[in-house]
Protein backbone atom coordinates (compact mmCIF):
# COMPACT_ATOMS: atom_id res chain seq x y z
CA MET A 1 101.75 91.94 80.25
CA PRO A 2 100.44 95.26 78.94
CA LEU A 3 99.04 98.01 81.13
CA MET A 4 95.28 97.61 81.50
CA ILE A 5 92.92 100.57 81.68
CA GLU A 6 90.18 99.81 84.18
CA GLY A 7 86.59 99.58 83.00
CA GLY A 8 87.37 99.85 79.29
CA ARG A 9 87.83 103.64 79.40
CA VAL A 10 90.86 103.77 77.12
CA PRO A 11 91.76 107.29 75.90
CA PRO A 12 92.10 107.24 72.10
CA ARG A 13 95.68 108.52 71.94
CA TRP A 14 96.87 105.57 74.04
CA ALA A 15 94.89 103.16 71.88
CA LEU A 16 96.63 104.59 68.81
CA GLU A 17 100.15 105.24 70.08
CA GLY A 18 100.26 102.09 72.19
CA SER A 19 99.25 99.87 69.30
CA SER A 20 102.52 97.93 69.39
CA ARG A 21 101.72 97.01 73.02
CA PRO A 22 97.93 96.73 72.88
CA ALA A 23 96.05 98.22 75.83
CA VAL A 24 93.65 95.72 77.36
CA SER A 25 90.59 97.01 79.16
CA GLY A 26 89.32 95.17 82.17
CA ASN A 27 87.51 95.55 85.46
CA THR A 28 88.27 92.35 87.38
CA LEU A 29 91.38 92.15 89.50
CA ARG A 30 93.26 88.87 89.77
CA THR A 31 95.63 87.54 92.39
CA GLY A 32 99.07 89.06 91.91
CA SER A 33 97.80 92.06 89.98
CA LEU A 34 97.99 95.68 91.09
CA ASN A 35 95.14 98.16 91.24
CA ILE A 36 96.39 101.76 90.82
CA ALA A 37 94.60 105.10 90.62
CA LEU A 38 96.06 107.94 88.53
CA ILE A 39 94.70 111.31 89.65
CA ASN A 40 95.69 113.55 86.75
CA ASN A 41 95.28 117.23 87.56
CA MET A 42 97.36 118.77 84.80
CA PRO A 43 95.83 121.71 82.89
CA ASP A 44 94.09 120.98 79.61
CA PRO A 45 97.08 121.57 77.25
CA ALA A 46 99.06 118.92 79.15
CA LEU A 47 96.22 116.63 80.25
CA GLU A 48 96.48 113.99 77.52
CA ASP A 49 100.27 114.23 77.26
CA THR A 50 100.48 113.45 80.98
CA GLU A 51 98.21 110.45 80.52
CA LEU A 52 100.50 109.07 77.84
CA GLN A 53 103.63 109.74 79.90
CA PHE A 54 102.35 107.73 82.84
CA PHE A 55 100.83 105.04 80.62
CA ASP A 56 104.18 104.54 78.88
CA LEU A 57 106.13 104.61 82.12
CA LEU A 58 103.89 102.14 83.94
CA ASP A 59 103.67 99.91 80.86
CA ASP A 60 107.47 99.67 80.68
CA ALA A 61 107.88 99.34 84.45
CA SER A 62 105.23 96.64 84.89
CA SER A 63 106.77 94.03 82.54
CA ASP A 64 105.27 90.78 83.92
CA ILE A 65 103.19 92.47 86.65
CA PRO A 66 99.52 92.96 85.65
CA VAL A 67 98.65 96.60 86.39
CA TYR A 68 95.07 97.89 86.23
CA LEU A 69 94.85 101.68 86.08
CA LYS A 70 91.84 103.83 86.85
CA LEU A 71 91.73 107.54 85.95
CA TYR A 72 90.52 110.38 88.17
CA SER A 73 90.96 114.16 88.36
CA LEU A 74 90.37 116.78 91.04
CA THR A 75 87.35 119.02 90.93
CA GLY A 76 88.25 122.71 91.04
CA VAL A 77 90.97 122.60 88.38
CA PRO A 78 89.93 125.04 85.62
CA ARG A 79 88.84 123.22 82.45
CA THR A 80 87.81 124.14 78.93
CA ASP A 81 84.78 122.48 77.40
CA ARG A 82 87.08 120.12 75.48
CA GLY A 83 89.04 119.20 78.61
CA GLN A 84 85.88 118.56 80.60
CA ARG A 85 84.49 116.34 77.83
CA HIS A 86 87.68 114.28 77.94
CA LEU A 87 87.32 113.85 81.70
CA ASN A 88 83.65 112.92 81.32
CA ASN A 89 84.49 110.28 78.72
CA PHE A 90 87.54 108.61 80.27
CA TYR A 91 87.78 109.56 83.95
CA TYR A 92 85.85 108.43 87.00
CA SER A 93 84.25 110.69 89.60
CA LEU A 94 86.00 111.24 92.91
CA ASP A 95 82.77 110.09 94.55
CA GLU A 96 83.69 106.66 93.23
CA LEU A 97 87.27 106.97 94.58
CA TRP A 98 86.19 107.33 98.22
CA GLN A 99 84.46 103.96 98.09
CA ASN A 100 87.57 102.05 96.97
CA GLN A 101 90.94 100.93 98.16
CA PHE A 102 93.88 100.77 95.78
CA ASP A 103 97.32 99.26 96.06
CA GLY A 104 98.79 102.58 94.98
CA VAL A 105 97.87 106.03 93.76
CA ILE A 106 99.76 108.57 91.64
CA ILE A 107 98.75 112.22 92.07
CA THR A 108 100.05 114.80 89.61
CA GLY A 109 100.45 118.51 90.18
CA THR A 110 98.94 121.28 88.13
CA GLU A 111 99.98 124.80 87.20
CA PRO A 112 99.60 126.96 90.33
CA ARG A 113 97.58 130.16 90.12
CA GLN A 114 97.94 131.40 93.71
CA PRO A 115 101.08 132.20 95.73
CA ASN A 116 99.63 130.22 98.64
CA LEU A 117 98.59 126.68 97.72
CA LYS A 118 95.85 126.78 100.35
CA ASP A 119 94.12 129.45 98.27
CA GLU A 120 93.80 127.20 95.22
CA PRO A 121 90.15 126.27 94.49
CA TYR A 122 90.96 122.56 94.59
CA TRP A 123 92.89 122.67 97.92
CA ARG A 124 90.14 121.18 100.10
CA VAL A 125 89.45 118.22 97.80
CA LEU A 126 93.19 117.64 97.30
CA THR A 127 93.74 117.35 101.05
CA ASP A 128 90.77 114.97 101.23
CA VAL A 129 92.55 112.82 98.62
CA PHE A 130 95.76 112.88 100.69
CA ASP A 131 93.85 111.78 103.80
CA TRP A 132 92.08 109.05 101.82
CA ALA A 133 95.42 107.82 100.40
CA GLU A 134 96.96 107.50 103.87
CA ARG A 135 94.19 105.08 104.83
CA SER A 136 93.45 103.34 101.53
CA THR A 137 96.74 102.64 99.72
CA ALA A 138 100.04 100.92 100.39
CA SER A 139 101.92 103.75 98.68
CA THR A 140 101.23 107.18 97.20
CA VAL A 141 103.31 108.97 94.55
CA LEU A 142 103.16 112.78 94.55
CA SER A 143 104.56 114.65 91.55
CA CYS A 144 106.04 118.17 91.78
CA LEU A 145 103.29 120.56 92.97
CA ALA A 146 101.43 117.64 94.56
CA ALA A 147 104.60 116.86 96.56
CA HIS A 148 104.71 120.45 97.82
CA ALA A 149 101.03 120.32 98.70
CA GLY A 150 101.45 116.98 100.47
CA VAL A 151 104.17 118.14 102.87
CA LEU A 152 102.33 121.40 103.51
CA HIS A 153 99.15 119.54 104.45
CA SER A 154 100.65 116.82 106.62
CA ASP A 155 103.62 118.63 108.21
CA GLY A 156 103.15 122.36 107.62
CA ILE A 157 106.30 122.56 105.46
CA GLU A 158 106.13 125.62 103.22
CA ARG A 159 107.66 125.76 99.77
CA HIS A 160 110.25 128.45 99.01
CA ARG A 161 110.31 130.62 95.90
CA LEU A 162 113.40 130.18 93.71
CA PRO A 163 115.17 133.14 92.06
CA ASP A 164 114.57 131.54 88.66
CA LYS A 165 112.68 128.55 87.30
CA GLN A 166 114.38 125.23 88.09
CA PHE A 167 114.17 123.98 84.55
CA GLY A 168 115.95 121.24 82.65
CA VAL A 169 117.37 117.75 83.09
CA LEU A 170 119.24 117.95 86.39
CA GLU A 171 121.64 115.48 87.95
CA SER A 172 121.22 114.12 91.47
CA ARG A 173 123.06 111.52 93.52
CA ARG A 174 121.58 108.74 95.59
CA ALA A 175 121.54 109.90 99.20
CA CYS A 176 120.80 106.59 100.92
CA ASN A 177 120.07 102.93 100.32
CA HIS A 178 116.37 102.27 99.91
CA ALA A 179 114.31 99.64 98.12
CA LEU A 180 112.95 102.27 95.72
CA MET A 181 116.52 102.98 94.59
CA ASN A 182 117.47 99.35 93.87
CA ARG A 183 119.50 99.01 90.65
CA ILE A 184 119.48 102.80 90.23
CA PRO A 185 122.81 104.38 89.17
CA GLU A 186 124.73 106.44 91.71
CA ARG A 187 123.96 109.52 89.61
CA VAL A 188 120.47 110.04 88.18
CA ARG A 189 119.18 112.71 85.80
CA PHE A 190 115.50 113.66 85.80
CA PRO A 191 113.58 116.60 84.31
CA HIS A 192 112.57 119.45 86.62
CA SER A 193 110.18 122.32 85.96
CA ARG A 194 109.29 124.42 89.00
CA TRP A 195 109.52 127.87 90.54
CA ASN A 196 109.57 126.62 94.14
CA GLU A 197 111.28 124.05 96.32
CA VAL A 198 110.99 122.33 99.66
CA ARG A 199 114.25 122.15 101.57
CA GLU A 200 116.17 119.20 102.95
CA ASP A 201 116.61 120.44 106.53
CA GLU A 202 112.89 121.09 106.93
CA LEU A 203 112.00 117.70 105.43
CA THR A 204 114.42 115.64 107.52
CA SER A 205 113.40 117.40 110.73
CA ALA A 206 109.81 116.28 109.99
CA GLY A 207 110.83 112.65 109.47
CA TYR A 208 111.22 112.50 105.69
CA VAL A 209 114.01 110.40 104.20
CA VAL A 210 115.80 111.95 101.23
CA LEU A 211 116.61 109.40 98.51
CA ALA A 212 118.29 111.63 95.92
CA LYS A 213 119.57 115.21 95.93
CA SER A 214 122.11 117.56 94.39
CA ALA A 215 123.61 121.01 94.81
CA ASP A 216 121.87 122.16 91.62
CA ALA A 217 118.48 120.45 91.92
CA GLY A 218 118.15 120.44 95.69
CA VAL A 219 116.10 117.54 96.98
CA ASP A 220 114.93 115.33 94.14
CA THR A 221 113.15 112.35 95.72
CA PHE A 222 112.04 111.79 99.33
CA VAL A 223 109.71 109.47 101.25
CA LYS A 224 107.77 109.18 104.47
CA LYS A 225 105.34 106.60 105.84
CA LYS A 226 102.00 108.24 106.63
CA ARG A 227 99.63 105.90 108.41
CA GLU A 228 99.20 102.92 106.05
CA SER A 229 100.85 104.46 102.99
CA LEU A 230 104.46 105.12 101.99
CA PHE A 231 104.38 108.59 100.40
CA VAL A 232 106.92 108.97 97.58
CA HIS A 233 107.61 112.58 96.59
CA PHE A 234 109.26 113.75 93.37
CA GLN A 235 110.17 117.43 93.05
CA GLY A 236 111.03 116.59 89.46
CA HIS A 237 109.23 114.74 86.68
CA PRO A 238 110.70 111.31 85.89
CA GLU A 239 107.56 110.60 83.85
CA TYR A 240 108.23 113.39 81.32
CA GLY A 241 108.46 112.47 77.66
CA VAL A 242 111.28 113.55 75.40
CA HIS A 243 109.41 116.62 74.09
CA THR A 244 107.80 117.85 77.33
CA LEU A 245 110.44 120.37 78.39
CA PHE A 246 110.60 121.65 74.83
CA LYS A 247 106.84 122.26 74.79
CA GLU A 248 107.02 124.10 78.10
CA TYR A 249 109.90 126.28 76.89
CA ARG A 250 108.06 127.09 73.65
CA ARG A 251 104.90 127.92 75.64
CA ASP A 252 106.84 130.30 77.91
CA ILE A 253 108.42 132.01 74.90
CA LYS A 254 104.94 132.59 73.46
CA ARG A 255 103.84 134.04 76.78
CA PHE A 256 106.77 136.45 76.65
CA LEU A 257 105.94 137.52 73.11
CA ASN A 258 102.27 137.95 74.06
CA ARG A 259 103.36 139.98 77.10
CA GLU A 260 101.83 137.47 79.50
CA ARG A 261 105.21 137.42 81.27
CA GLU A 262 107.84 140.15 81.55
CA THR A 263 111.08 138.18 81.23
CA TYR A 264 112.33 135.90 78.47
CA PRO A 265 112.33 132.31 79.80
CA THR A 266 115.57 130.66 80.79
CA MET A 267 116.60 127.81 78.49
CA PRO A 268 116.31 124.37 80.14
CA VAL A 269 119.72 123.08 81.22
CA GLY A 270 121.14 119.68 80.31
CA TYR A 271 118.52 119.14 77.62
CA PHE A 272 119.47 120.66 74.25
CA ASP A 273 122.64 119.82 72.36
CA GLU A 274 124.98 122.67 71.40
CA SER A 275 123.55 123.01 67.88
CA ALA A 276 120.00 123.40 69.22
CA ALA A 277 121.13 125.76 71.98
CA ARG A 278 122.83 127.99 69.39
CA LEU A 279 119.66 128.18 67.28
CA LEU A 280 117.61 129.02 70.34
CA ARG A 281 120.01 131.77 71.43
CA GLU A 282 119.78 133.28 67.95
CA PHE A 283 115.98 133.14 68.11
CA GLN A 284 116.04 134.79 71.54
CA GLU A 285 118.02 137.71 70.12
CA SER A 286 115.39 138.16 67.41
CA ALA A 287 112.52 137.88 69.86
CA MET A 288 114.04 140.39 72.28
CA ALA A 289 114.56 142.86 69.44
CA ASP A 290 111.07 142.40 67.97
CA ARG A 291 108.62 141.34 70.68
CA ARG A 292 105.58 140.26 68.69
CA GLU A 293 103.61 137.01 68.56
CA GLU A 294 104.28 136.82 64.81
CA VAL A 295 107.99 136.21 65.50
CA MET A 296 107.11 132.61 66.47
CA ALA A 297 106.72 131.88 62.75
CA SER A 298 110.53 131.72 62.57
CA PHE A 299 110.93 129.51 65.65
CA PRO A 300 113.31 126.64 64.64
CA GLU A 301 111.04 123.87 65.92
CA GLN A 302 111.84 121.08 63.47
CA ALA A 303 115.59 121.53 63.80
CA ILE A 304 115.28 121.39 67.59
CA VAL A 305 112.90 118.44 67.87
CA SER A 306 114.96 116.20 65.62
CA GLY A 307 117.91 116.31 68.04
CA LEU A 308 116.07 115.65 71.30
CA ARG A 309 116.83 112.44 73.22
CA ASN A 310 115.27 110.90 76.33
CA GLY A 311 118.17 109.96 78.58
CA TRP A 312 116.14 109.39 81.75
CA HIS A 313 113.30 107.03 80.80
CA SER A 314 115.10 103.77 81.63
CA THR A 315 116.03 105.06 85.10
CA ALA A 316 112.49 106.32 85.66
CA ALA A 317 111.08 102.93 84.63
CA CYS A 318 113.43 101.25 87.10
CA VAL A 319 112.26 103.50 89.95
CA TYR A 320 108.63 102.76 89.11
CA ARG A 321 109.41 99.05 88.77
CA ASN A 322 110.74 99.16 92.33
CA TRP A 323 107.57 100.97 93.38
CA LEU A 324 105.36 98.30 91.81
CA GLN A 325 107.38 95.60 93.57
CA TYR A 326 106.90 97.47 96.85
CA LEU A 327 103.13 97.39 96.23
CA LEU A 328 103.23 93.66 95.51
CA ALA A 329 105.23 92.99 98.67
CA SER A 330 102.78 95.07 100.72
CA GLN A 331 99.87 93.20 99.16
CA ALA A 332 101.47 89.84 99.98
CA LYS A 333 102.25 90.92 103.54
CA THR A 334 98.64 91.95 104.11
CA SER A 335 97.42 88.63 102.73
CA VAL A 336 99.75 86.66 104.99
CA PHE A 337 98.80 88.69 108.05
CA THR A 338 95.14 88.07 107.25
CA MET A 339 95.38 84.34 106.56
CA THR A 340 98.38 83.06 108.53
CA PRO A 341 99.50 85.46 111.27
CA ALA A 342 102.23 83.10 112.45
CA TYR A 343 104.25 83.76 109.31
CA GLY A 344 103.98 87.55 109.52
CA SER A 345 107.38 88.12 111.12
CA ALA A 346 109.18 86.05 108.48
CA LEU A 347 107.51 87.92 105.65
CA LYS A 348 108.27 91.25 107.27
CA ARG A 349 111.98 90.45 107.10
CA THR A 350 111.85 89.61 103.39
CA ALA A 351 109.35 92.11 102.02
CA VAL A 352 110.46 95.18 100.13
CA GLY A 353 110.16 98.31 102.27
């Protein structure tokens, strides 16, 4: 069963790139289907890539589960004219969100512009979304910056600045048994791209359960039930495509050459093979010696891209498959409680959660 974009608002890149698994538009939910909101807050250069990443991931994770997806974005995130047109064409207004309940919601981060998240122009509406999600969904997924914002809002947990960007495909180990980690290998590798972290001791003291962590990546995945919704937090990006880290690294190199940043960016770890890493080290030497935007003309892009491999997608799809099954189980439990309360205790023992 392919992923279905609610209301027929199918972004053209998905219609083209998903042609082997045709996207079906629809606006009527059926029994046994899931209704999910994707609140995509990524900046314009990554807006459509992020759409495709989550479309692909949910499409692979859903398999036989019908999933209807509806697109939203926060107000207050800076947009170009092109980015705003894309939102106008394919995204729904948050005014429409408040009137609905969804089985689940996925909320992405965005590139921070302020040291204190509470100073971001979208902070107030983001916290309104968090409060709405607690009441109106069975589970909420928060990605990277959204995860940091979520714990700050609900529990006052501050993020901590790292000495360097946590960047690359980092290995974590499962920290406990949980339904979201069913059939997940003992060791998992997911992309990370962040300058800040939230720490395990502060999370656990506030009632969060850590699902995966490592000495290198810190806490990877953690959860907490908030009112009606199980909040699932990823400090990393299991949704990332094979080229995403490469694009971010190339962007940061351009910023260095344009003097938008003072230091040359650290190469993502666990991502490039040795041949690509050697080419990139050679390019770094040239860029450091001749710091001009024109140096990017010799950037070895084609040689790098040809060797990239996505070694995390199957694990990410499994995690999201578990999440979709959690939503189905929550949906079934609600239906049984509504129609036949006598069977509630039996279902509670068998439901995923």
